[in-house]
Every structure is written in C-alpha cells, then in structure tokens.
Amino acid sequence: MTASTNTPATLRLLAVHAHPDDESSKGAATMAMYAAAGVEVMVATCTDGSRGDIQNPAVEGEPHPKRDMAGARRLEMDQAAKVLGIQQRWLGFTDSGLPEGDPLPPLPAGSFAVQPLERAAAPLVRLVRDFKPQVIVSYDENGGYPHPDHIMAHRVAVEAFAAAGDPSRYPDAGAAWEPSKLYYDRAFSPDRFRALHFALEEAGLQSPYAQRLAAWLETDAEGHTPPQGTHTTTTQIDCGDFFEARDDALRAHRTQVDPMGFFFAVSAEMQRRVWPWEDYSLIESRVPTELPEKDLFAGLR
C-alpha cells in the first residue's frame, strides 16, 4: 500500500547527484530554468567530494583544498547553488574516490559506494518524504559514467523512488510520500555531442569531441553497451536561456573545473543555435503522460 499522490500547490524537483559539481555539469540549466519559474528545486549531494583531485591548474597552489578538500568543495557548492537559485542538501557520505590500477584496489572502508543499499538510501528517503518532490532526476545504471559513487547514486535514487511512498519501508524516515516521475539525465547524449562537434567543424573551430565520438562509434561497432546505457531521450527541456547560469555554476567549482577546459569548448550562443535542450529519459511515471515530452512536469500541471 502506497501513500497518496496528491499534488501540492508547489511543483518540486529533486536531483540526486554523487558529488559537489555533478549538479552543475548535468541538468543545471534545467534546474535554473525551473527555479526561475517558481518550481522548488533541490539537489541532494550524496558525498562530500573529499577524494576529488584538483582539476584546475589555477588552484594547484592554494592551501585550502590541499588541507581540506571537503571544506573547499562545500564552499564551492554553496556558491553554485546560489548561482542556480536552488536548494541543496548533503546526504552525509564520504567520497569513494575513483580507483585506478590493474587490478583495481578496493574502495575505502566506510565510503559511499561500499554502504549497504538500505543504509545508503535512508537519508534520501527521508529527504524525499520531507521535500515531497513530484519529480526525481538521477543517473542511469552506469552512473552516467562508471564512477562507483555515481553508480551508487543511481541505486539510491531508484530505491528512494520505489520506497518513499510505502509506509512499511524505512518506517523511521518520516511520513510516506510518493513521487510521480523518475528520470535519468542524459548529459552525455551522443546525439548532442555529434551536433556540437559538427557545428564547431563547420565554423572552422577545433572540436574537443572527436576522440570521444570515435571511441563511442568503436564501442557501438563492437556490440558493447553504448554511452548513457540503452535508454533513449524521451524528454527535451528547452533551457538555452540558462546556459550562462550553468556555466557560472560550473566555474564556481574551482577545484574541479578548468575554466579553459572541455565544458566551455562551445559558446552558449552556439549551443542555443545547435542544441538548446537538456535531455532526459523518462523511466517511470505514475501519472499519464505522452512521449516525447518538453516538460519534466508533464501530466502534473
């Protein structure tokens, strides 16, 4: 037996992300657009980002990230949330890091990705019941890319979507609330990268996407799972007017984002002309809706 799906007067969107900065590289313009339109938008950040490496050469000599990476990233997250006009909650887990080597070393004891599912999902179930979102957005089964924290973020998002409306599950996590729609983010949609790649080439500009596209084509030819899993785009959000806000939020994550790097290879103006959307796959809906969609709240308004 599940809780009522009565819709409150305010529409609410919850995005589940693995680390601080993920929210700004995946779906940020969508969130900023909805927030500006009066939707309550919340980001749940699963981990503290403490095991992230410095990716921005300009930050290499700064003492704060070297002494306290989690503290530095907390300040960055606060700034990014202000830029996007959204709320944000920490779920309280420790970054697992990205293991390297052959064979891969074990993940750190106590980190997010090694938690039992019910322990990892409990804070998110509590947040869903407290915030009462109609829509939840997270990653696909591959985590968007196979970082162990991203894969666990996917698992806890799916678990919370399934369990939050059932009062018999997680009985200590607040009164049941049943969200209506679950989406997977498709920030790394091959179609988008192809469109941007060819637009750059046609403009006589160097594309940073050629190697990535070639690897994807090789993966497809070998019969392996394509990037972003097997899910197709069902929902495109026209949010090009908020690409500058997305880029400013990304720049706020100074330790993790090089302002001269990959994310800024295509101007916001060119992106608005070539691919003015952010892409999603509708995975489950408890309300009637017709595909394709142009609104994450289709069927709820």
Protein backbone atom coordinates (compact mmCIF):
# COMPACT_ATOMS: atom_id res chain seq x y z
CA MET A 1 0.00 0.00 0.00
CA THR A 2 1.38 3.39 -1.01
CA ALA A 3 0.76 6.91 0.12
CA SER A 4 -1.46 9.33 -1.73
CA THR A 5 -0.03 11.03 -4.81
CA ASN A 6 -1.97 14.24 -4.16
CA THR A 7 -0.07 17.09 -5.79
CA PRO A 8 0.77 20.06 -3.55
CA ALA A 9 0.28 23.59 -4.89
CA THR A 10 4.03 23.97 -5.48
CA LEU A 11 5.84 21.82 -8.01
CA ARG A 12 9.07 20.33 -6.69
CA LEU A 13 12.07 18.77 -8.45
CA LEU A 14 14.75 16.70 -6.70
CA ALA A 15 18.04 15.96 -8.48
CA VAL A 16 20.26 13.26 -6.94
CA HIS A 17 23.99 13.72 -7.56
CA ALA A 18 27.10 11.90 -6.41
CA HIS A 19 29.50 14.79 -5.72
CA PRO A 20 29.50 18.57 -5.48
CA ASP A 21 29.99 19.82 -9.09
CA ASP A 22 27.93 16.99 -10.69
CA GLU A 23 24.79 19.11 -10.38
CA SER A 24 26.43 21.88 -12.43
CA SER A 25 27.59 19.62 -15.27
CA LYS A 26 24.35 17.64 -15.55
CA GLY A 27 20.99 19.34 -15.80
CA ALA A 28 21.99 22.69 -14.31
CA ALA A 29 20.27 24.84 -16.93
CA THR A 30 17.08 22.82 -16.47
CA MET A 31 17.18 23.39 -12.72
CA ALA A 32 17.88 27.11 -13.09
CA MET A 33 15.01 27.46 -15.57
CA TYR A 34 12.51 25.71 -13.33
CA ALA A 35 13.70 27.62 -10.25
CA ALA A 36 13.26 30.92 -12.08
CA ALA A 37 9.71 29.83 -12.99
CA GLY A 38 8.77 29.23 -9.34
CA VAL A 39 9.41 25.49 -9.07
CA GLU A 40 11.15 24.44 -5.84
CA VAL A 41 14.37 22.73 -6.89
CA MET A 42 16.54 20.68 -4.54
CA VAL A 43 19.87 18.96 -5.16
CA ALA A 44 20.77 16.01 -2.95
CA THR A 45 24.56 15.64 -2.88
CA CYS A 46 25.45 12.14 -1.78
CA THR A 47 29.12 12.64 -0.86
CA ASP A 48 31.46 15.32 0.41
CA GLY A 49 33.80 15.22 -2.60
CA SER A 50 36.78 14.81 -0.26
CA ARG A 51 38.68 12.45 -2.57
CA GLY A 52 38.44 14.63 -5.65
CA ASP A 53 41.68 15.69 -7.32
CA ILE A 54 42.34 19.31 -8.26
CA GLN A 55 41.44 19.66 -11.94
CA ASN A 56 42.05 23.38 -12.36
CA PRO A 57 45.72 24.43 -12.76
CA ALA A 58 44.92 27.85 -11.29
CA VAL A 59 44.04 26.24 -7.94
CA GLU A 60 47.09 23.98 -7.66
CA GLY A 61 48.94 26.26 -5.26
CA GLU A 62 46.04 27.15 -2.99
CA PRO A 63 46.35 25.77 0.55
CA HIS A 64 42.66 25.28 1.44
CA PRO A 65 41.88 22.43 -0.98
CA LYS A 66 45.12 20.65 -0.06
CA ARG A 67 44.36 20.94 3.63
CA ASP A 68 40.58 20.38 3.50
CA MET A 69 39.18 19.36 0.12
CA ALA A 70 35.71 18.64 1.54
CA GLY A 71 35.56 22.10 3.13
CA ALA A 72 36.68 23.80 -0.07
CA ARG A 73 34.08 21.93 -2.08
CA ARG A 74 31.36 22.79 0.43
CA LEU A 75 32.04 26.49 -0.20
CA GLU A 76 32.02 25.88 -3.95
CA MET A 77 28.70 24.04 -3.72
CA ASP A 78 27.14 26.91 -1.77
CA GLN A 79 28.17 29.35 -4.50
CA ALA A 80 26.90 27.12 -7.32
CA ALA A 81 23.53 26.70 -5.61
CA LYS A 82 23.19 30.48 -5.31
CA VAL A 83 24.00 30.92 -8.99
CA LEU A 84 21.33 28.38 -9.99
CA GLY A 85 18.76 29.62 -7.48
CA ILE A 86 18.27 26.18 -5.95
CA GLN A 87 18.30 24.48 -2.56
CA GLN A 88 20.86 21.81 -1.68
CA ARG A 89 21.26 19.13 0.98
CA TRP A 90 24.24 16.93 1.88
CA LEU A 91 23.36 13.28 2.46
CA GLY A 92 26.44 12.86 4.64
CA PHE A 93 28.57 10.17 2.96
CA THR A 94 32.29 10.10 2.26
CA ASP A 95 33.56 10.25 -1.31
CA SER A 96 34.74 6.82 -2.50
CA GLY A 97 37.29 8.16 -4.97
CA LEU A 98 37.89 6.73 -8.43
CA PRO A 99 40.04 3.59 -8.11
CA GLU A 100 42.92 3.20 -10.54
CA GLY A 101 45.24 0.31 -11.33
CA ASP A 102 45.13 -3.26 -12.58
CA PRO A 103 43.76 -4.95 -10.63
CA LEU A 104 41.67 -2.14 -9.16
CA PRO A 105 42.27 -1.57 -5.43
CA PRO A 106 39.36 -1.99 -3.03
CA LEU A 107 37.24 1.05 -2.31
CA PRO A 108 37.93 2.82 1.00
CA ALA A 109 36.16 1.35 4.01
CA GLY A 110 33.14 3.37 5.04
CA SER A 111 32.86 5.27 1.77
CA PHE A 112 29.56 5.81 0.00
CA ALA A 113 29.89 3.14 -2.67
CA VAL A 114 30.50 0.30 -0.19
CA GLN A 115 27.48 1.05 2.02
CA PRO A 116 24.63 -1.45 2.18
CA LEU A 117 21.84 -0.13 -0.05
CA GLU A 118 19.34 0.48 2.75
CA ARG A 119 21.88 2.45 4.77
CA ALA A 120 22.91 4.49 1.73
CA ALA A 121 19.31 5.17 0.69
CA ALA A 122 17.85 6.03 4.10
CA PRO A 123 18.90 9.73 4.12
CA LEU A 124 17.50 10.17 0.60
CA VAL A 125 14.20 8.50 1.52
CA ARG A 126 13.96 10.90 4.45
CA LEU A 127 14.68 13.86 2.17
CA VAL A 128 12.06 12.74 -0.38
CA ARG A 129 9.45 12.46 2.37
CA ASP A 130 10.41 15.85 3.77
CA PHE A 131 10.77 17.79 0.49
CA LYS A 132 7.89 16.00 -1.32
CA PRO A 133 9.09 16.20 -4.94
CA GLN A 134 6.86 15.07 -7.75
CA VAL A 135 9.90 14.54 -10.00
CA ILE A 136 13.23 12.86 -9.23
CA VAL A 137 16.19 13.00 -11.63
CA SER A 138 19.37 10.95 -11.34
CA TYR A 139 21.78 8.81 -13.38
CA ASP A 140 21.32 5.63 -15.36
CA GLU A 141 22.63 2.21 -14.29
CA ASN A 142 26.12 3.14 -15.50
CA GLY A 143 26.13 6.28 -13.37
CA GLY A 144 26.36 8.44 -16.50
CA TYR A 145 29.95 7.18 -16.40
CA PRO A 146 31.12 4.27 -14.26
CA HIS A 147 32.39 6.04 -11.15
CA PRO A 148 31.41 3.90 -8.13
CA ASP A 149 29.72 6.85 -6.39
CA HIS A 150 27.68 7.62 -9.50
CA ILE A 151 26.50 4.05 -9.71
CA MET A 152 25.53 4.10 -6.03
CA ALA A 153 23.75 7.46 -6.54
CA HIS A 154 21.70 5.75 -9.25
CA ARG A 155 20.88 2.88 -6.92
CA VAL A 156 19.78 5.07 -4.02
CA ALA A 157 17.66 7.27 -6.30
CA VAL A 158 15.82 4.26 -7.70
CA GLU A 159 15.41 2.85 -4.19
CA ALA A 160 14.04 6.12 -2.82
CA PHE A 161 11.61 6.50 -5.73
CA ALA A 162 10.29 2.99 -5.10
CA ALA A 163 10.24 3.09 -1.30
CA ALA A 164 9.39 6.63 -0.19
CA GLY A 165 5.66 6.16 -0.77
CA ASP A 166 5.44 2.88 1.14
CA PRO A 167 4.90 3.46 4.89
CA SER A 168 6.07 -0.09 5.66
CA ARG A 169 9.56 0.69 4.29
CA TYR A 170 12.03 2.93 6.11
CA PRO A 171 9.48 3.50 8.90
CA ASP A 172 11.88 5.77 10.80
CA ALA A 173 12.37 8.14 7.84
CA GLY A 174 9.20 10.23 8.13
CA ALA A 175 5.68 10.07 6.75
CA ALA A 176 5.34 8.39 3.36
CA TRP A 177 5.34 10.49 0.20
CA GLU A 178 5.13 9.00 -3.30
CA PRO A 179 6.93 10.88 -6.09
CA SER A 180 5.30 10.69 -9.50
CA LYS A 181 8.08 10.60 -12.11
CA LEU A 182 11.64 9.26 -12.32
CA TYR A 183 14.05 10.45 -14.99
CA TYR A 184 17.63 9.61 -15.93
CA ASP A 185 19.81 12.50 -17.01
CA ARG A 186 21.38 12.22 -20.49
CA ALA A 187 24.01 14.94 -20.24
CA PHE A 188 26.39 12.75 -22.26
CA SER A 189 23.93 12.06 -25.06
CA PRO A 190 25.93 11.08 -28.17
CA ASP A 191 23.44 12.96 -30.37
CA ARG A 192 24.21 16.20 -28.55
CA PHE A 193 27.96 15.75 -28.82
CA ARG A 194 27.72 14.91 -32.54
CA ALA A 195 25.69 18.06 -33.17
CA LEU A 196 28.16 20.25 -31.27
CA HIS A 197 31.16 18.57 -32.93
CA PHE A 198 29.90 19.19 -36.47
CA ALA A 199 28.85 22.77 -35.62
CA LEU A 200 32.39 23.51 -34.44
CA GLU A 201 33.93 21.97 -37.56
CA GLU A 202 31.56 23.88 -39.85
CA ALA A 203 32.59 27.09 -38.10
CA GLY A 204 36.26 26.26 -38.70
CA LEU A 205 36.90 25.69 -35.00
CA GLN A 206 38.70 22.78 -33.40
CA SER A 207 36.39 20.27 -31.75
CA PRO A 208 37.44 18.59 -28.50
CA TYR A 209 34.84 15.87 -29.06
CA ALA A 210 36.40 13.94 -31.97
CA GLN A 211 38.21 11.39 -29.81
CA ARG A 212 35.16 10.83 -27.61
CA LEU A 213 32.90 10.30 -30.64
CA ALA A 214 35.37 7.91 -32.25
CA ALA A 215 35.51 5.85 -29.05
CA TRP A 216 31.71 5.72 -28.93
CA LEU A 217 31.50 4.59 -32.55
CA GLU A 218 34.07 1.87 -31.86
CA THR A 219 32.10 0.78 -28.77
CA ASP A 220 28.89 0.52 -30.80
CA ALA A 221 30.64 -1.42 -33.57
CA GLU A 222 31.93 -3.96 -31.06
CA GLY A 223 28.41 -4.51 -29.76
CA HIS A 224 29.06 -3.10 -26.30
CA THR A 225 26.59 -1.01 -24.34
CA PRO A 226 26.57 2.50 -25.84
CA PRO A 227 27.27 5.57 -23.70
CA GLN A 228 24.38 6.56 -21.42
CA GLY A 229 23.20 2.96 -21.42
CA THR A 230 20.34 1.68 -23.54
CA HIS A 231 17.90 4.46 -22.61
CA THR A 232 16.67 6.85 -25.28
CA THR A 233 15.81 10.51 -24.94
CA THR A 234 12.12 10.96 -24.20
CA THR A 235 12.16 14.49 -22.84
CA GLN A 236 13.98 17.60 -24.02
CA ILE A 237 13.90 20.74 -21.90
CA ASP A 238 14.38 23.98 -23.85
CA CYS A 239 16.60 25.83 -21.38
CA GLY A 240 19.14 27.61 -23.56
CA ASP A 241 18.48 30.95 -21.88
CA PHE A 242 20.07 29.48 -18.75
CA PHE A 243 23.28 28.13 -20.29
CA GLU A 244 25.25 31.09 -18.88
CA ALA A 245 23.94 30.31 -15.39
CA ARG A 246 25.01 26.69 -15.86
CA ASP A 247 28.49 27.81 -16.93
CA ASP A 248 28.79 30.19 -13.99
CA ALA A 249 27.77 27.39 -11.62
CA LEU A 250 30.42 25.14 -13.15
CA ARG A 251 33.07 27.84 -12.69
CA ALA A 252 32.07 28.07 -9.02
CA HIS A 253 33.52 24.57 -8.57
CA ARG A 254 37.03 25.94 -8.92
CA THR A 255 38.89 22.86 -7.70
CA GLN A 256 37.15 20.54 -10.13
CA VAL A 257 36.51 22.58 -13.28
CA ASP A 258 39.12 24.18 -15.52
CA PRO A 259 37.54 27.37 -16.93
CA MET A 260 39.57 26.81 -20.10
CA GLY A 261 38.52 23.16 -20.40
CA PHE A 262 36.14 20.75 -22.06
CA PHE A 263 32.87 22.12 -20.67
CA PHE A 264 33.43 25.55 -22.21
CA ALA A 265 34.56 24.50 -25.68
CA VAL A 266 31.30 25.64 -27.29
CA SER A 267 29.89 29.09 -26.61
CA ALA A 268 26.45 29.36 -25.04
CA GLU A 269 25.32 31.21 -28.16
CA MET A 270 26.36 28.36 -30.45
CA GLN A 271 24.78 25.79 -28.15
CA ARG A 272 21.49 27.71 -28.21
CA ARG A 273 21.57 27.57 -32.00
CA VAL A 274 22.62 23.91 -32.32
CA TRP A 275 21.25 22.11 -29.24
CA PRO A 276 19.23 24.38 -26.92
CA TRP A 277 17.98 21.48 -24.80
CA GLU A 278 18.98 19.28 -21.92
CA ASP A 279 17.99 15.66 -22.47
CA TYR A 280 16.32 13.13 -20.18
CA SER A 281 14.86 9.65 -20.30
CA LEU A 282 11.56 9.06 -18.51
CA ILE A 283 11.97 5.76 -16.66
CA GLU A 284 8.75 5.56 -14.67
CA SER A 285 5.64 7.70 -14.42
CA ARG A 286 2.74 7.26 -12.03
CA VAL A 287 0.73 9.88 -13.90
CA PRO A 288 -0.44 9.76 -17.53
CA THR A 289 1.91 11.49 -19.97
CA GLU A 290 2.59 11.39 -23.70
CA LEU A 291 6.03 10.99 -25.22
CA PRO A 292 8.01 12.86 -26.35
CA GLU A 293 7.80 15.45 -23.59
CA LYS A 294 9.01 19.03 -23.28
CA ASP A 295 8.38 19.36 -19.54
CA LEU A 296 9.51 17.19 -16.62
CA PHE A 297 6.17 18.01 -15.00
CA ALA A 298 4.07 16.89 -17.97
CA GLY A 299 0.98 15.19 -16.57
CA LEU A 300 1.32 17.02 -13.25
CA ARG A 301 0.35 20.60 -14.11
